[in-house]
Amino acid sequence: MSLALAAALLLAPETAHAALDRLAGCWDAPGEVMGKRVATRVRGAWHLGGRYLLLESHGLDPADPYDAAIAIGDHDGDRLSAWWMDSFGAGYSAAGKGRADREGVLSIDYAYPDALYANRLEPLSKGWRWTITARKPDGSERPFASYVLTPTKCDGTAFAF
């Protein structure tokens, strides 16, 4: 392999599909939502012929149940389209649009009546950092949620889908 080809491969951007593929599998995802500590398990699995990654989030605290299913698809190299569904019901579901950057960071925004919720999934050594920021119409921002995803087994986890 020539030095020029090797350099080009090292500088080539990661496609959105490749970045999504790194989310496939099971993850422990402890974190914080609106200032409250949460224990969560996340599973990413490809569906519909590998065109959509279904990212399922399952709250592990039976006293505070929460489930979400986020279908994410890639197109045109770096663009993402997504749909957020959760246990609050269809009235709280939303379509999202986003991108993957050169380092495989995934950014997806979901517009809700009260705010735009900016999701950012950033690769860590063997996992991910997932942050959600609420951006209000008046321009103010506040952290909404954050998780650190580390690989685990999903044995016995009751995902909704």
Protein backbone atom coordinates (compact mmCIF):
# COMPACT_ATOMS: atom_id res chain seq x y z
CA MET A 1 0.00 0.00 0.00
CA SER A 2 1.35 3.41 -0.90
CA LEU A 3 1.93 6.04 1.76
CA ALA A 4 -0.57 8.35 0.02
CA LEU A 5 -3.31 5.68 0.04
CA ALA A 6 -2.65 4.84 3.69
CA ALA A 7 -2.86 8.53 4.62
CA ALA A 8 -6.10 8.92 2.66
CA LEU A 9 -7.66 5.95 4.46
CA LEU A 10 -6.65 7.32 7.84
CA LEU A 11 -8.19 10.71 7.01
CA ALA A 12 -11.35 9.30 5.40
CA PRO A 13 -14.45 10.22 7.37
CA GLU A 14 -16.36 7.49 9.13
CA THR A 15 -19.71 7.00 7.42
CA ALA A 16 -22.89 7.36 9.43
CA HIS A 17 -23.62 3.66 8.84
CA ALA A 18 -20.24 2.62 10.26
CA ALA A 19 -20.77 4.86 13.30
CA LEU A 20 -24.25 3.40 13.86
CA ASP A 21 -22.85 -0.11 13.51
CA ARG A 22 -20.58 0.58 16.50
CA LEU A 23 -23.79 1.04 18.58
CA ALA A 24 -24.97 -2.51 17.81
CA GLY A 25 -24.91 -4.71 20.89
CA CYS A 26 -25.83 -4.35 24.55
CA TRP A 27 -24.76 -1.55 26.85
CA ASP A 28 -24.98 -0.66 30.51
CA ALA A 29 -26.02 2.99 30.51
CA PRO A 30 -26.05 4.57 33.95
CA GLY A 31 -26.68 8.28 33.87
CA GLU A 32 -28.72 11.24 34.91
CA VAL A 33 -32.05 12.56 33.63
CA MET A 34 -33.16 16.02 34.78
CA GLY A 35 -30.74 15.79 37.72
CA LYS A 36 -31.89 12.32 38.85
CA ARG A 37 -29.60 9.26 38.74
CA VAL A 38 -30.92 6.44 36.53
CA ALA A 39 -29.91 2.87 35.73
CA THR A 40 -30.54 1.96 32.12
CA ARG A 41 -29.71 -0.83 29.70
CA VAL A 42 -29.48 -0.07 25.97
CA ARG A 43 -29.50 -2.44 23.00
CA GLY A 44 -28.72 -1.58 19.40
CA ALA A 45 -29.80 -4.01 16.65
CA TRP A 46 -30.12 -3.72 12.88
CA HIS A 47 -33.55 -4.20 11.27
CA LEU A 48 -35.18 -4.04 7.84
CA GLY A 49 -32.23 -5.43 5.97
CA GLY A 50 -29.65 -3.43 7.88
CA ARG A 51 -31.21 -0.10 6.95
CA TYR A 52 -32.26 0.98 10.46
CA LEU A 53 -30.57 0.60 13.81
CA LEU A 54 -33.17 0.22 16.54
CA LEU A 55 -31.68 1.65 19.72
CA GLU A 56 -33.76 0.46 22.67
CA SER A 57 -33.42 1.97 26.12
CA HIS A 58 -34.86 0.16 29.15
CA GLY A 59 -34.97 1.65 32.64
CA LEU A 60 -33.88 -0.89 35.24
CA ASP A 61 -35.69 0.65 38.24
CA PRO A 62 -39.17 -0.97 38.53
CA ALA A 63 -40.32 1.95 40.69
CA ASP A 64 -39.55 4.40 37.84
CA PRO A 65 -40.23 2.55 34.56
CA TYR A 66 -39.18 4.07 31.24
CA ASP A 67 -38.63 2.54 27.82
CA ALA A 68 -37.67 4.15 24.53
CA ALA A 69 -37.16 2.87 21.01
CA ILE A 70 -35.21 5.04 18.61
CA ALA A 71 -35.08 3.95 14.97
CA ILE A 72 -32.09 5.54 13.20
CA GLY A 73 -31.25 5.28 9.52
CA ASP A 74 -28.40 6.75 7.52
CA HIS A 75 -28.35 8.19 4.02
CA ASP A 76 -26.02 10.16 1.77
CA GLY A 77 -22.92 9.18 3.73
CA ASP A 78 -23.26 11.34 6.83
CA ARG A 79 -26.93 12.23 7.24
CA LEU A 80 -29.26 10.57 9.74
CA SER A 81 -33.02 10.33 10.04
CA ALA A 82 -34.56 9.03 13.25
CA TRP A 83 -37.81 8.49 15.10
CA TRP A 84 -38.07 8.64 18.93
CA MET A 85 -40.83 6.59 20.56
CA ASP A 86 -41.15 6.00 24.27
CA SER A 87 -43.40 4.80 27.06
CA PHE A 88 -44.99 8.25 27.37
CA GLY A 89 -46.97 7.43 24.22
CA ALA A 90 -47.39 8.61 20.64
CA GLY A 91 -48.05 12.20 21.68
CA TYR A 92 -44.44 12.39 22.84
CA SER A 93 -42.83 10.78 19.79
CA ALA A 94 -40.80 12.88 17.37
CA ALA A 95 -38.89 12.70 14.11
CA GLY A 96 -35.22 13.63 14.23
CA LYS A 97 -32.59 14.74 11.75
CA GLY A 98 -28.86 14.72 12.20
CA ARG A 99 -25.37 13.88 11.01
CA ALA A 100 -22.31 11.84 11.77
CA ASP A 101 -19.06 13.78 11.82
CA ARG A 102 -15.58 12.68 10.71
CA GLU A 103 -14.86 11.07 14.10
CA GLY A 104 -18.11 9.07 14.20
CA VAL A 105 -19.91 11.43 16.60
CA LEU A 106 -23.66 11.18 16.01
CA SER A 107 -25.79 14.32 16.46
CA ILE A 108 -29.59 14.07 16.14
CA ASP A 109 -32.09 16.82 16.97
CA TYR A 110 -35.72 16.17 17.90
CA ALA A 111 -38.15 19.10 17.90
CA TYR A 112 -40.78 19.06 20.64
CA PRO A 113 -43.21 21.90 21.48
CA ASP A 114 -41.21 22.98 24.55
CA ALA A 115 -37.66 22.63 23.15
CA LEU A 116 -35.35 21.12 20.61
CA TYR A 117 -33.65 18.11 22.20
CA ALA A 118 -30.11 17.80 20.85
CA ASN A 119 -28.77 14.26 21.20
CA ARG A 120 -25.04 13.68 20.85
CA LEU A 121 -23.50 10.21 20.92
CA GLU A 122 -19.72 10.42 21.16
CA PRO A 123 -17.53 7.32 20.90
CA LEU A 124 -15.39 6.54 23.95
CA SER A 125 -12.66 3.89 24.05
CA LYS A 126 -15.02 0.89 24.29
CA GLY A 127 -18.32 2.66 24.64
CA TRP A 128 -20.19 5.91 24.16
CA ARG A 129 -21.10 9.13 25.93
CA TRP A 130 -24.72 10.12 25.18
CA THR A 131 -25.83 13.62 26.12
CA ILE A 132 -29.16 15.32 25.55
CA THR A 133 -29.42 19.11 25.76
CA ALA A 134 -32.76 20.96 25.81
CA ARG A 135 -32.61 24.10 23.67
CA LYS A 136 -35.55 26.39 24.46
CA PRO A 137 -37.15 28.74 21.90
CA ASP A 138 -35.74 31.73 23.83
CA GLY A 139 -32.20 30.50 23.09
CA SER A 140 -31.45 29.15 26.56
CA GLU A 141 -30.00 25.65 26.98
CA ARG A 142 -29.93 23.19 29.83
CA PRO A 143 -28.64 19.65 30.23
CA PHE A 144 -31.52 17.19 30.03
CA ALA A 145 -29.81 13.79 30.24
CA SER A 146 -26.43 12.12 30.07
CA TYR A 147 -25.34 8.49 29.99
CA VAL A 148 -22.11 6.54 29.66
CA LEU A 149 -22.57 3.34 27.66
CA THR A 150 -20.25 0.42 28.35
CA PRO A 151 -20.50 -3.03 26.76
CA THR A 152 -22.44 -5.66 28.68
CA LYS A 153 -24.69 -8.68 28.11
CA CYS A 154 -28.43 -8.21 27.73
CA ASP A 155 -29.32 -11.57 29.28
CA GLY A 156 -32.77 -11.31 30.81
CA THR A 157 -33.34 -7.63 30.02
CA ALA A 158 -37.02 -7.08 29.10
CA PHE A 159 -36.85 -4.70 26.14
CA ALA A 160 -40.16 -3.38 24.80
CA PHE A 161 -39.46 -4.33 21.15
